[in-house]
Structures are given as structure tokens and as C-alpha cells.
Amino acid sequence: MNPPPPISKSDHHVMMQTMKDHYLPESSSPIGYSPSQTLYTPSPNVTRPSSPSKLLPYTRPNSPSSKPSVQVVERHPQPWSKVHWTRDWSWVMYTVNLGTGAVSLCVSSIPYPFRGQHAIGSLFLILNIIIMAFNMSMSTLRLVRHPKAFRDSFYDEVEGIWFPVLPIAWSSILIGIIIYGIPYCGPWLVEACYVAYWVYFLVSAASGLVVQCTVRSLPRHLVHVGPSECLEVFPLMLLGSIGGLLAPHLAEIDPSRALTVVIFSYIMQGLGFFMGYLKLSLWMLRHITLARAPSKTLLTYAIACGPPGFTALACINLGNAALKIFPETNFMAGFDGGSMDPHLVAQVFVMIGVWWSLLLMGMCCWVLFIHSRWFFLTLNEMRQLGFMAKFEMSWWAMTFPLSGFISTCGRFGEYFPSRAFGVVNIILTCFVACMWCVNITGTTTLLWNGILPGAPVEE
């Protein structure tokens, strides 16, 4: 069979021009994408061809020829009397509690004790309680004065997914009370925290059910999917961190109840971690298939560091609790005809916990590595446009989600002979403290100017 004759350059040019005129619409931007848009969104005015042979050619939305421009959102101060404070006080305001609790947790995890460490952590715990009381008051007024707005907040595809930050904020206070209060208050506070542990479990389960029955029951565009999707299981996941801190104190009063807390905390930690990453897989799908441009939600990507960081911390703390609780309760002593040694079982739990934590730390490092570039890009835009033009409540994501990873570094700094983990813990603790100062300044400035910040959203 003879090969086809070669095509000349002129014939090739005519063929390509004919295909372009036949397949492409009059608009030069395929599938309704314009360079001024920050997201790759199909236009409703463009009809996709039904024939596979007539598919429109694809142009990368983030190519140099179609690089989206940075849009500046102007914020105009207004008098307090014109601001609907109670109606528009959204769930995202509880992120201030998360950032404050993160500083308290990170300070307690520093492996090298120093003078004033307990005082600084206690100060942020008290401040966290005060902020929580204020936020709860505003949410209560919103429920009483604007019940429709309160109900609609659960169905809003932007604000609704941030509802779980309320129980997460409660967990930050409970963790602070266990760390800073129990050593100085005695058994009565241990009993109170034990009751609060189970109440928090019920509240966390209820919050997840509320999210499933409200905003999750509505269709959402993939463009609105981000790491905040895993906030739904964060409250249940944090039961592992709470139980790991509470169980050693409870073992001094009732080892059997402490064993129940340890086992249940392992179960809830597994639920939160694996379900959280199933939900984060949707974010990875969005990140791979859609255009990513610098926006106000980029800093929320640090939330993805929360599941591995807090799971690593819970595995270490629960393993330490097992060393004391398992021998006192003869845990697993009935296996293999009673030949199982509870001390050996506890040591196995500790070693598996440390091994698994090291693997999870690698996952955290990857999230931080890819997130650092976006963080510096945001700083560069802030330098060009001004602090208040780029500050969003998403900046609070640079605090609490990182505290699990930071605290785990502190634990490794205590147990490992190398000081590298301790140094990393101190550096990142200072970073979280600096971010808290930046965020509290930005949030206060917005409120002072009559600008009520809402949940970050892609535009």
C-alpha cells in the first residue's frame, strides 16, 4: 500500500483555518472562559456539541495568554448604626476562638519549659473563653431577632459548611481547661471534664447531622469545594486529642472509665481522620480539574493539615495513656488463654502510634510545602494592594489547623534525642503567635470600620 502524498504548508494552513471556523464559536474564548474570570466556569450561552468528533479544543485557563488578573474588592467603612450586627454575625466569626485556642495549645507543647509558659497559655485560655461568650451572645441574638436568617445560614452553601467551627471552638476551650486547669484544681475538675467529654461527643455528632441534613442536602458546584469540607468531621476527630489528654488524669480516679475514654477516642479519631480525607479528595479533584488562581480562599488550604496533625498528636497521647491504663485494667489479658501481657500490649500501642505519627507528619509537611507558595503569593498581593484590601477571615486557617502538627513536633522533641523537632516546634509556635496578632488586628479593624466579615468564597 502506497503512503499518502505529503501535505504542503499552504494546504495545511487552509485545513486548519477551515477546522477553526467550523468547530469554534465566534468568541475567541472556548467554553465560555474569559481571561477576566478567576475560575473556569462553563457559560450557559455556549452549547456543547453532541458528537465526539466535534469537541471544542481546550486551552489551559492558567496559561500565560489567559492569566487572570487580581481583582481588588473595595471596602467602604460605614457607621455602626447601619450595620446589621446580629443578623449577619456568621459562623466564621468563631474562627477567632480557634486561633486563640491554637496559641494556648502550642505554648503548652513547647518541650523546653520556661518561665511564664503556664501564664501565657492561661492568658490565652481566658481570652478564648471571653471571646466565646461574646460570639455565643451574638449567635443567640441572631436566633431570637432574626430566626429566618439564622435558619437560612445552615442552608447557605458558603456559610453552612462553617457551622462546625462552633463545636471545634468548644473543643479548644476544653483542651485548654484540661492542660492548664486540672493540675491545679484537683479531682472535681477531672469529673467535670469527663462529663464534658461525653456532652461534647453528643454535640459533635449533632452538628455533623445538622450539616448533612441542611447544606449537604443541596447541590453544590465543584468550584465551591475546598478543604473546609472536612470541617464537618473535625469535632468528632478532636475527641481523640481530648481523650488522650483526659485519660491519664481520669486513670488516677477510675481506671475503667479511663480505658473507656481511650478506646472510644481511638474510634472517633479514626472516624474523623479517614472521613476527613475522603472529603478532602473532593478538594483535590477540584484542584486538579479546575483553574486555580490567587483568591481569598487559598489560605484555607491549611485546613488540610488538620486531620494528619491532630491524628498524630492523638496517637501519641493515647499511647502514653495506655502505658498507665492497660496494666491497671488488665486490658487484653484474656487473649490466648490469659498469656497476653498488658504491659507489652501498651508498649505495642505506643510504638505503632509513634510509627503512624511519623508517616502522618510527612503528609503534613507536604501540605505545608505546597501551601507556603500560596501564602507568599498572598503576602505579595497584600504588599501591592494593602493589608485591608487582602485580609480575609481565611487567614485564621493559619493557626488552629497547624496546632496539631506543631504539638506533635513538641512531643517528638521530648521523646527523641534530636533537638530538631523541638526547634521546629518553637519556630512554628512563634509563627502561630504572630499570625494571631495579624489576624486579631485585621478582624478588629474590619469591625471597627463597620465591615462585618463573612465566610471566604471563590469569585
Protein backbone atom coordinates (compact mmCIF):
# COMPACT_ATOMS: atom_id res chain seq x y z
CA MET A 1 0.00 0.00 0.00
CA ASN A 2 1.46 3.32 -1.06
CA PRO A 3 1.74 6.07 1.60
CA PRO A 4 -0.43 9.18 1.14
CA PRO A 5 1.21 12.11 -0.58
CA PRO A 6 2.71 14.75 1.73
CA ILE A 7 0.62 17.82 2.54
CA SER A 8 2.05 21.14 1.58
CA LYS A 9 2.24 24.05 4.01
CA SER A 10 -0.41 26.02 2.12
CA ASP A 11 -2.85 23.06 2.15
CA HIS A 12 -2.19 22.52 5.85
CA HIS A 13 -2.95 26.18 6.59
CA VAL A 14 -6.24 26.00 4.67
CA MET A 15 -7.26 22.83 6.53
CA MET A 16 -6.53 24.31 9.97
CA GLN A 17 -8.41 27.53 9.13
CA THR A 18 -11.44 25.52 7.94
CA MET A 19 -11.49 23.43 11.14
CA LYS A 20 -11.21 26.54 13.27
CA ASP A 21 -14.13 28.24 11.53
CA HIS A 22 -16.25 25.10 11.71
CA TYR A 23 -15.71 23.98 15.29
CA LEU A 24 -15.06 27.16 17.24
CA PRO A 25 -17.76 29.68 18.14
CA GLU A 26 -17.36 33.31 17.22
CA SER A 27 -15.97 34.06 20.66
CA SER A 28 -12.23 33.52 20.92
CA SER A 29 -12.56 32.00 24.40
CA PRO A 30 -13.55 28.29 24.34
CA ILE A 31 -16.39 27.00 26.52
CA GLY A 32 -17.27 30.43 27.75
CA TYR A 33 -13.96 31.09 29.51
CA SER A 34 -12.70 34.65 29.53
CA PRO A 35 -9.32 35.79 30.88
CA SER A 36 -11.02 38.21 33.26
CA GLN A 37 -12.64 35.32 35.12
CA THR A 38 -10.78 33.77 38.00
CA LEU A 39 -12.44 30.38 37.61
CA TYR A 40 -13.06 28.03 34.72
CA THR A 41 -16.86 28.21 34.56
CA PRO A 42 -18.92 26.86 31.65
CA SER A 43 -21.07 29.57 30.12
CA PRO A 44 -24.79 28.81 29.80
CA ASN A 45 -24.84 30.53 26.40
CA VAL A 46 -22.45 28.04 24.82
CA THR A 47 -23.86 24.71 23.62
CA ARG A 48 -21.52 21.73 23.72
CA PRO A 49 -21.51 19.63 20.52
CA SER A 50 -23.15 16.25 20.97
CA SER A 51 -20.85 14.49 18.51
CA PRO A 52 -17.49 13.29 19.89
CA SER A 53 -15.84 14.31 16.64
CA LYS A 54 -16.83 17.92 17.20
CA LEU A 55 -15.37 18.52 20.64
CA LEU A 56 -14.14 22.02 21.21
CA PRO A 57 -10.38 22.40 21.59
CA TYR A 58 -9.14 23.04 25.11
CA THR A 59 -6.92 25.89 26.24
CA ARG A 60 -5.39 25.83 29.70
CA PRO A 61 -7.15 28.55 31.75
CA ASN A 62 -3.95 29.35 33.66
CA SER A 63 -1.78 29.67 30.60
CA PRO A 64 0.15 32.95 30.15
CA SER A 65 -2.27 34.08 27.47
CA SER A 66 -5.25 33.78 29.81
CA LYS A 67 -3.77 34.57 33.20
CA PRO A 68 -6.50 36.01 35.43
CA SER A 69 -5.97 39.45 36.82
CA VAL A 70 -6.12 40.26 40.50
CA GLN A 71 -9.38 41.88 41.40
CA VAL A 72 -9.49 44.43 44.20
CA VAL A 73 -12.58 44.36 46.35
CA GLU A 74 -13.19 47.80 47.77
CA ARG A 75 -14.41 48.02 51.33
CA HIS A 76 -16.09 51.18 52.47
CA PRO A 77 -16.35 51.94 56.19
CA GLN A 78 -19.84 52.68 57.40
CA PRO A 79 -21.39 53.79 60.68
CA TRP A 80 -22.12 51.09 63.24
CA SER A 81 -25.79 52.07 63.25
CA LYS A 82 -26.16 50.93 59.62
CA VAL A 83 -24.59 47.50 60.20
CA HIS A 84 -26.88 44.53 60.82
CA TRP A 85 -24.67 43.07 63.52
CA THR A 86 -26.93 40.34 64.87
CA ARG A 87 -28.43 39.37 61.51
CA ASP A 88 -25.12 38.96 59.69
CA TRP A 89 -22.95 37.57 62.51
CA SER A 90 -21.87 34.39 60.71
CA TRP A 91 -20.38 31.13 61.95
CA VAL A 92 -16.99 32.07 60.54
CA MET A 93 -16.53 34.51 63.45
CA TYR A 94 -15.82 31.50 65.69
CA THR A 95 -12.51 31.09 63.87
CA VAL A 96 -11.22 33.78 66.25
CA ASN A 97 -11.73 31.25 69.05
CA LEU A 98 -9.85 28.62 67.09
CA GLY A 99 -6.86 30.90 66.59
CA THR A 100 -6.80 31.89 70.26
CA GLY A 101 -7.05 28.28 71.37
CA ALA A 102 -4.26 27.34 68.94
CA VAL A 103 -1.83 29.72 70.66
CA SER A 104 -2.76 28.25 74.05
CA LEU A 105 -2.19 24.69 72.80
CA CYS A 106 1.07 25.45 71.00
CA VAL A 107 2.56 27.25 74.01
CA SER A 108 1.85 24.23 76.24
CA SER A 109 3.56 21.90 73.74
CA ILE A 110 6.96 23.62 73.84
CA PRO A 111 9.32 20.85 75.05
CA TYR A 112 11.66 23.22 76.86
CA PRO A 113 9.86 24.72 79.90
CA PHE A 114 10.46 28.41 80.50
CA ARG A 115 9.30 30.97 83.00
CA GLY A 116 5.89 32.32 82.11
CA GLN A 117 4.90 29.39 79.88
CA HIS A 118 1.90 28.47 82.03
CA ALA A 119 0.91 32.12 82.49
CA ILE A 120 0.91 32.82 78.72
CA GLY A 121 -1.14 29.74 77.96
CA SER A 122 -3.62 30.51 80.74
CA LEU A 123 -3.98 34.09 79.50
CA PHE A 124 -4.96 32.92 76.01
CA LEU A 125 -7.34 30.36 77.55
CA ILE A 126 -9.14 33.08 79.49
CA LEU A 127 -9.22 35.29 76.40
CA ASN A 128 -10.66 32.38 74.43
CA ILE A 129 -13.46 31.95 76.98
CA ILE A 130 -14.29 35.67 76.81
CA ILE A 131 -14.43 35.65 73.00
CA MET A 132 -16.59 32.54 73.09
CA ALA A 133 -19.06 34.20 75.45
CA PHE A 134 -19.30 37.19 73.11
CA ASN A 135 -19.77 35.06 69.99
CA MET A 136 -22.39 32.91 71.69
CA SER A 137 -24.26 36.05 72.73
CA MET A 138 -24.29 37.33 69.15
CA SER A 139 -25.46 33.96 67.80
CA THR A 140 -28.22 33.85 70.41
CA LEU A 141 -29.38 37.34 69.42
CA ARG A 142 -29.35 36.26 65.80
CA LEU A 143 -31.59 33.32 66.66
CA VAL A 144 -34.01 35.47 68.67
CA ARG A 145 -34.16 38.58 66.49
CA HIS A 146 -33.63 37.10 63.03
CA PRO A 147 -34.79 33.47 63.11
CA LYS A 148 -35.12 33.28 59.32
CA ALA A 149 -31.54 34.45 58.78
CA PHE A 150 -30.39 32.02 61.45
CA ARG A 151 -32.20 29.13 59.75
CA ASP A 152 -31.02 30.11 56.28
CA SER A 153 -27.39 30.14 57.44
CA PHE A 154 -27.47 26.34 57.66
CA TYR A 155 -28.54 26.05 54.01
CA ASP A 156 -26.16 28.64 52.61
CA GLU A 157 -23.52 26.86 50.54
CA VAL A 158 -20.82 29.26 51.76
CA GLU A 159 -21.70 29.87 55.40
CA GLY A 160 -23.32 26.50 56.15
CA ILE A 161 -20.13 24.46 55.85
CA TRP A 162 -18.53 26.67 58.54
CA PHE A 163 -21.10 25.80 61.19
CA PRO A 164 -18.87 23.02 62.69
CA VAL A 165 -16.35 25.64 63.82
CA LEU A 166 -18.71 26.24 66.76
CA PRO A 167 -18.12 22.82 68.41
CA ILE A 168 -14.47 22.97 67.35
CA ALA A 169 -14.17 26.23 69.28
CA TRP A 170 -15.66 24.49 72.32
CA SER A 171 -13.05 21.74 71.99
CA SER A 172 -10.25 24.32 72.08
CA ILE A 173 -11.57 25.57 75.41
CA LEU A 174 -11.97 22.05 76.81
CA ILE A 175 -8.41 21.16 75.79
CA GLY A 176 -7.12 24.31 77.47
CA ILE A 177 -9.00 23.53 80.69
CA ILE A 178 -7.52 20.02 80.80
CA ILE A 179 -3.99 21.30 80.21
CA TYR A 180 -3.98 24.38 82.44
CA GLY A 181 -6.76 23.69 84.94
CA ILE A 182 -6.68 20.06 86.07
CA PRO A 183 -3.12 20.12 87.53
CA TYR A 184 -4.19 22.93 89.89
CA CYS A 185 -7.87 22.18 90.63
CA GLY A 186 -7.99 18.55 91.72
CA PRO A 187 -10.35 15.62 91.05
CA TRP A 188 -13.55 17.66 90.81
CA LEU A 189 -12.40 19.24 87.56
CA VAL A 190 -11.44 15.82 86.20
CA GLU A 191 -15.01 14.63 86.81
CA ALA A 192 -16.39 17.79 85.20
CA CYS A 193 -14.19 17.32 82.13
CA TYR A 194 -15.26 13.67 81.91
CA VAL A 195 -18.90 14.75 81.74
CA ALA A 196 -17.98 17.50 79.27
CA TYR A 197 -16.22 14.88 77.12
CA TRP A 198 -19.45 12.95 76.55
CA VAL A 199 -21.53 16.10 76.15
CA TYR A 200 -19.07 17.30 73.54
CA PHE A 201 -19.42 13.97 71.72
CA LEU A 202 -23.19 14.38 71.53
CA VAL A 203 -22.86 17.98 70.33
CA SER A 204 -20.29 16.98 67.69
CA ALA A 205 -22.46 14.18 66.38
CA ALA A 206 -25.46 16.52 66.30
CA SER A 207 -23.51 19.18 64.40
CA GLY A 208 -22.46 16.65 61.78
CA LEU A 209 -26.07 15.51 61.43
CA VAL A 210 -27.23 19.13 61.05
CA VAL A 211 -24.73 19.73 58.25
CA GLN A 212 -25.77 16.53 56.49
CA CYS A 213 -29.46 17.46 56.64
CA THR A 214 -29.02 21.08 55.54
CA VAL A 215 -26.23 22.29 53.27
CA ARG A 216 -25.21 18.75 52.27
CA SER A 217 -28.71 18.06 51.01
CA LEU A 218 -28.36 20.77 48.35
CA PRO A 219 -26.42 20.52 45.07
CA ARG A 220 -23.17 22.44 45.06
CA HIS A 221 -20.83 23.41 42.27
CA LEU A 222 -17.39 21.86 42.35
CA VAL A 223 -15.87 25.33 42.25
CA HIS A 224 -17.06 25.94 45.83
CA VAL A 225 -15.39 22.80 47.19
CA GLY A 226 -12.33 23.33 49.38
CA PRO A 227 -10.53 21.91 52.42
CA SER A 228 -13.27 23.38 54.60
CA GLU A 229 -15.37 20.38 53.52
CA CYS A 230 -13.65 18.29 56.21
CA LEU A 231 -14.73 20.68 58.98
CA GLU A 232 -17.85 18.55 59.26
CA VAL A 233 -15.89 15.70 60.91
CA PHE A 234 -13.36 17.85 62.77
CA PRO A 235 -15.36 17.92 66.04
CA LEU A 236 -15.55 14.11 66.23
CA MET A 237 -11.89 13.80 65.25
CA LEU A 238 -10.82 16.09 68.09
CA LEU A 239 -12.28 13.61 70.59
CA GLY A 240 -9.03 11.70 70.13
CA SER A 241 -6.92 14.68 71.22
CA ILE A 242 -9.27 15.45 74.13
CA GLY A 243 -9.34 11.83 75.29
CA GLY A 244 -5.56 11.50 75.10
CA LEU A 245 -5.18 14.44 77.48
CA LEU A 246 -8.03 13.50 79.82
CA ALA A 247 -7.42 9.75 80.22
CA PRO A 248 -4.19 9.93 82.29
CA HIS A 249 -5.87 12.22 84.85
CA LEU A 250 -9.02 10.09 84.90
CA ALA A 251 -6.95 6.92 85.47
CA GLU A 252 -5.99 8.22 88.92
CA ILE A 253 -9.69 8.22 89.88
CA ASP A 254 -11.24 5.34 87.92
CA PRO A 255 -9.03 3.31 85.51
CA SER A 256 -12.03 1.51 83.99
CA ARG A 257 -13.62 4.78 82.86
CA ALA A 258 -10.24 5.94 81.60
CA LEU A 259 -9.99 2.77 79.49
CA THR A 260 -13.41 3.50 78.01
CA VAL A 261 -12.26 7.01 77.08
CA VAL A 262 -9.08 5.67 75.43
CA ILE A 263 -10.86 3.05 73.31
CA PHE A 264 -13.65 5.42 72.29
CA SER A 265 -11.14 8.15 71.45
CA TYR A 266 -9.29 5.79 69.11
CA ILE A 267 -12.55 5.01 67.31
CA MET A 268 -13.56 8.65 66.93
CA GLN A 269 -10.07 9.62 65.81
CA GLY A 270 -10.19 7.01 63.05
CA LEU A 271 -13.66 8.15 62.02
CA GLY A 272 -12.59 11.79 61.78
CA PHE A 273 -9.30 11.13 60.02
CA PHE A 274 -10.49 8.79 57.29
CA MET A 275 -13.77 10.57 56.65
CA GLY A 276 -11.91 13.88 56.61
CA TYR A 277 -9.60 12.68 53.87
CA LEU A 278 -12.43 11.23 51.88
CA LYS A 279 -13.89 14.74 51.85
CA LEU A 280 -10.52 16.30 51.10
CA SER A 281 -10.34 14.10 48.00
CA LEU A 282 -13.09 16.30 46.52
CA TRP A 283 -10.85 19.31 47.08
CA MET A 284 -8.02 17.52 45.26
CA LEU A 285 -10.43 16.79 42.39
CA ARG A 286 -11.31 20.49 42.20
CA HIS A 287 -7.65 21.46 42.43
CA ILE A 288 -6.71 19.15 39.56
CA THR A 289 -9.62 19.72 37.18
CA LEU A 290 -10.37 23.43 37.63
CA ALA A 291 -8.24 26.53 37.29
CA ARG A 292 -6.58 27.73 40.46
CA ALA A 293 -5.93 31.45 40.78
CA PRO A 294 -4.87 33.53 43.80
CA SER A 295 -8.04 34.26 45.74
CA LYS A 296 -9.33 34.87 49.22
CA THR A 297 -9.79 31.15 49.90
CA LEU A 298 -6.24 30.00 49.24
CA LEU A 299 -5.19 30.26 52.87
CA THR A 300 -7.99 27.91 53.91
CA TYR A 301 -5.96 25.18 52.24
CA ALA A 302 -4.01 24.96 55.52
CA ILE A 303 -7.09 23.20 56.94
CA ALA A 304 -5.87 20.09 55.12
CA CYS A 305 -3.02 19.94 57.65
CA GLY A 306 -5.51 19.39 60.49
CA PRO A 307 -6.51 15.70 60.03
CA PRO A 308 -2.96 14.25 59.88
CA GLY A 309 -1.61 16.66 62.51
CA PHE A 310 -4.25 16.03 65.15
CA THR A 311 -4.32 12.29 64.38
CA ALA A 312 -0.57 12.09 65.00
CA LEU A 313 -0.97 14.02 68.27
CA ALA A 314 -3.85 11.79 69.41
CA CYS A 315 -1.95 8.57 68.64
CA ILE A 316 0.99 9.71 70.78
CA ASN A 317 -1.13 10.94 73.70
CA LEU A 318 -3.39 7.89 73.68
CA GLY A 319 -0.34 5.62 73.57
CA ASN A 320 1.11 7.34 76.61
CA ALA A 321 -2.21 6.93 78.41
CA ALA A 322 -2.24 3.23 77.51
CA LEU A 323 1.09 2.68 79.32
CA LYS A 324 -0.64 3.53 82.58
CA ILE A 325 -4.20 2.33 81.98
CA PHE A 326 -3.74 -1.05 80.27
CA PRO A 327 -1.77 -2.71 83.11
CA GLU A 328 -4.20 -1.44 85.76
CA THR A 329 -7.25 -2.75 83.87
CA ASN A 330 -5.61 -5.98 82.52
CA PHE A 331 -6.53 -4.92 79.02
CA MET A 332 -6.47 -7.87 76.57
CA ALA A 333 -5.25 -10.19 79.34
CA GLY A 334 -7.91 -12.75 78.36
CA PHE A 335 -6.44 -13.34 74.89
CA ASP A 336 -4.60 -16.60 74.17
CA GLY A 337 -5.60 -18.25 77.42
CA GLY A 338 -4.52 -15.35 79.59
CA SER A 339 -0.90 -15.27 78.38
CA MET A 340 -1.11 -11.75 76.93
CA ASP A 341 0.88 -9.22 78.96
CA PRO A 342 -0.94 -5.86 79.30
CA HIS A 343 2.40 -4.05 79.67
CA LEU A 344 3.55 -5.45 76.33
CA VAL A 345 0.22 -4.56 74.72
CA ALA A 346 0.61 -0.96 75.90
CA GLN A 347 4.14 -0.79 74.51
CA VAL A 348 2.90 -2.09 71.15
CA PHE A 349 0.24 0.63 71.10
CA VAL A 350 2.92 3.23 71.81
CA MET A 351 5.27 2.02 69.08
CA ILE A 352 2.51 1.76 66.48
CA GLY A 353 1.30 5.22 67.45
CA VAL A 354 4.77 6.74 67.03
CA TRP A 355 5.32 4.94 63.72
CA TRP A 356 1.95 6.06 62.36
CA SER A 357 2.55 9.60 63.61
CA LEU A 358 5.82 9.83 61.70
CA LEU A 359 4.02 8.85 58.49
CA LEU A 360 1.33 11.45 59.12
CA MET A 361 3.97 14.09 59.78
CA GLY A 362 5.20 13.54 56.23
CA MET A 363 1.69 14.23 54.97
CA CYS A 364 1.60 17.45 56.98
CA CYS A 365 4.96 18.51 55.57
CA TRP A 366 3.65 18.08 52.02
CA VAL A 367 0.57 20.19 52.73
CA LEU A 368 2.73 22.91 54.31
CA PHE A 369 5.19 22.76 51.44
CA ILE A 370 2.62 23.34 48.70
CA HIS A 371 0.77 25.85 50.88
CA SER A 372 3.84 28.00 51.55
CA ARG A 373 3.96 29.15 47.93
CA TRP A 374 0.34 30.34 48.03
CA PHE A 375 1.00 32.03 51.37
CA PHE A 376 3.86 34.10 49.95
CA LEU A 377 1.82 34.91 46.84
CA THR A 378 -0.89 36.28 49.10
CA LEU A 379 1.69 38.31 51.01
CA ASN A 380 2.95 39.75 47.73
CA GLU A 381 -0.58 40.77 46.71
CA MET A 382 -1.08 42.29 50.15
CA ARG A 383 2.10 44.32 49.67
CA GLN A 384 0.75 45.65 46.37
CA LEU A 385 -2.86 46.27 47.33
CA GLY A 386 -2.66 46.98 51.04
CA PHE A 387 -3.36 44.97 54.17
CA MET A 388 -7.09 45.60 54.48
CA ALA A 389 -7.68 45.01 50.77
CA LYS A 390 -6.48 41.40 51.04
CA PHE A 391 -7.23 40.44 54.64
CA GLU A 392 -9.98 37.84 54.98
CA MET A 393 -11.17 35.57 57.76
CA SER A 394 -9.46 32.74 55.89
CA TRP A 395 -6.21 33.98 57.45
CA TRP A 396 -7.33 32.34 60.70
CA ALA A 397 -6.77 28.99 58.97
CA MET A 398 -3.06 29.59 59.51
CA THR A 399 -3.48 28.99 63.26
CA PHE A 400 -5.61 26.16 64.64
CA PRO A 401 -5.18 23.56 61.82
CA LEU A 402 -1.41 23.81 62.28
CA SER A 403 -1.51 23.38 66.07
CA GLY A 404 -1.83 19.58 65.86
CA PHE A 405 1.32 19.33 63.75
CA ILE A 406 3.15 21.80 65.99
CA SER A 407 2.17 19.96 69.19
CA THR A 408 3.29 16.66 67.69
CA CYS A 409 6.69 18.19 66.97
CA GLY A 410 6.81 19.18 70.64
CA ARG A 411 6.06 15.59 71.73
CA PHE A 412 8.80 14.26 69.46
CA GLY A 413 11.15 16.88 70.90
CA GLU A 414 10.57 15.35 74.35
CA TYR A 415 10.95 11.69 73.31
CA PHE A 416 13.61 11.76 70.58
CA PRO A 417 17.29 12.52 71.25
CA SER A 418 17.39 15.04 68.37
CA ARG A 419 16.52 18.66 69.11
CA ALA A 420 15.33 19.31 65.57
CA PHE A 421 11.67 18.66 66.40
CA GLY A 422 11.88 20.97 69.42
CA VAL A 423 13.35 23.76 67.32
CA VAL A 424 10.64 23.33 64.66
CA ASN A 425 8.03 23.42 67.42
CA ILE A 426 9.35 26.72 68.79
CA ILE A 427 9.63 28.34 65.34
CA LEU A 428 6.10 27.37 64.32
CA THR A 429 4.70 28.36 67.72
CA CYS A 430 6.14 31.83 67.20
CA PHE A 431 4.67 31.84 63.69
CA VAL A 432 1.19 30.99 65.01
CA ALA A 433 1.50 33.69 67.67
CA CYS A 434 2.47 36.25 65.01
CA MET A 435 -0.41 35.15 62.79
CA TRP A 436 -2.77 35.57 65.74
CA CYS A 437 -1.58 39.15 66.18
CA VAL A 438 -2.05 39.86 62.46
CA ASN A 439 -5.47 38.23 62.35
CA ILE A 440 -6.83 39.85 65.50
CA THR A 441 -5.63 43.22 64.19
CA GLY A 442 -7.31 42.70 60.83
CA THR A 443 -10.56 41.39 62.32
CA THR A 444 -10.75 44.22 64.85
CA THR A 445 -10.04 46.82 62.17
CA LEU A 446 -12.83 45.48 59.97
CA LEU A 447 -15.32 45.50 62.82
CA TRP A 448 -14.25 48.97 63.94
CA ASN A 449 -14.92 50.30 60.43
CA GLY A 450 -18.37 48.73 60.35
CA ILE A 451 -17.36 45.92 57.98
CA LEU A 452 -18.72 42.58 59.11
CA PRO A 453 -16.52 39.87 57.58
CA GLY A 454 -18.22 36.78 56.25
CA ALA A 455 -17.09 33.38 55.10
CA PRO A 456 -14.50 33.38 52.30
CA VAL A 457 -15.88 32.39 48.91
CA GLU A 458 -14.44 31.88 45.43
CA GLU A 459 -15.43 34.58 42.97
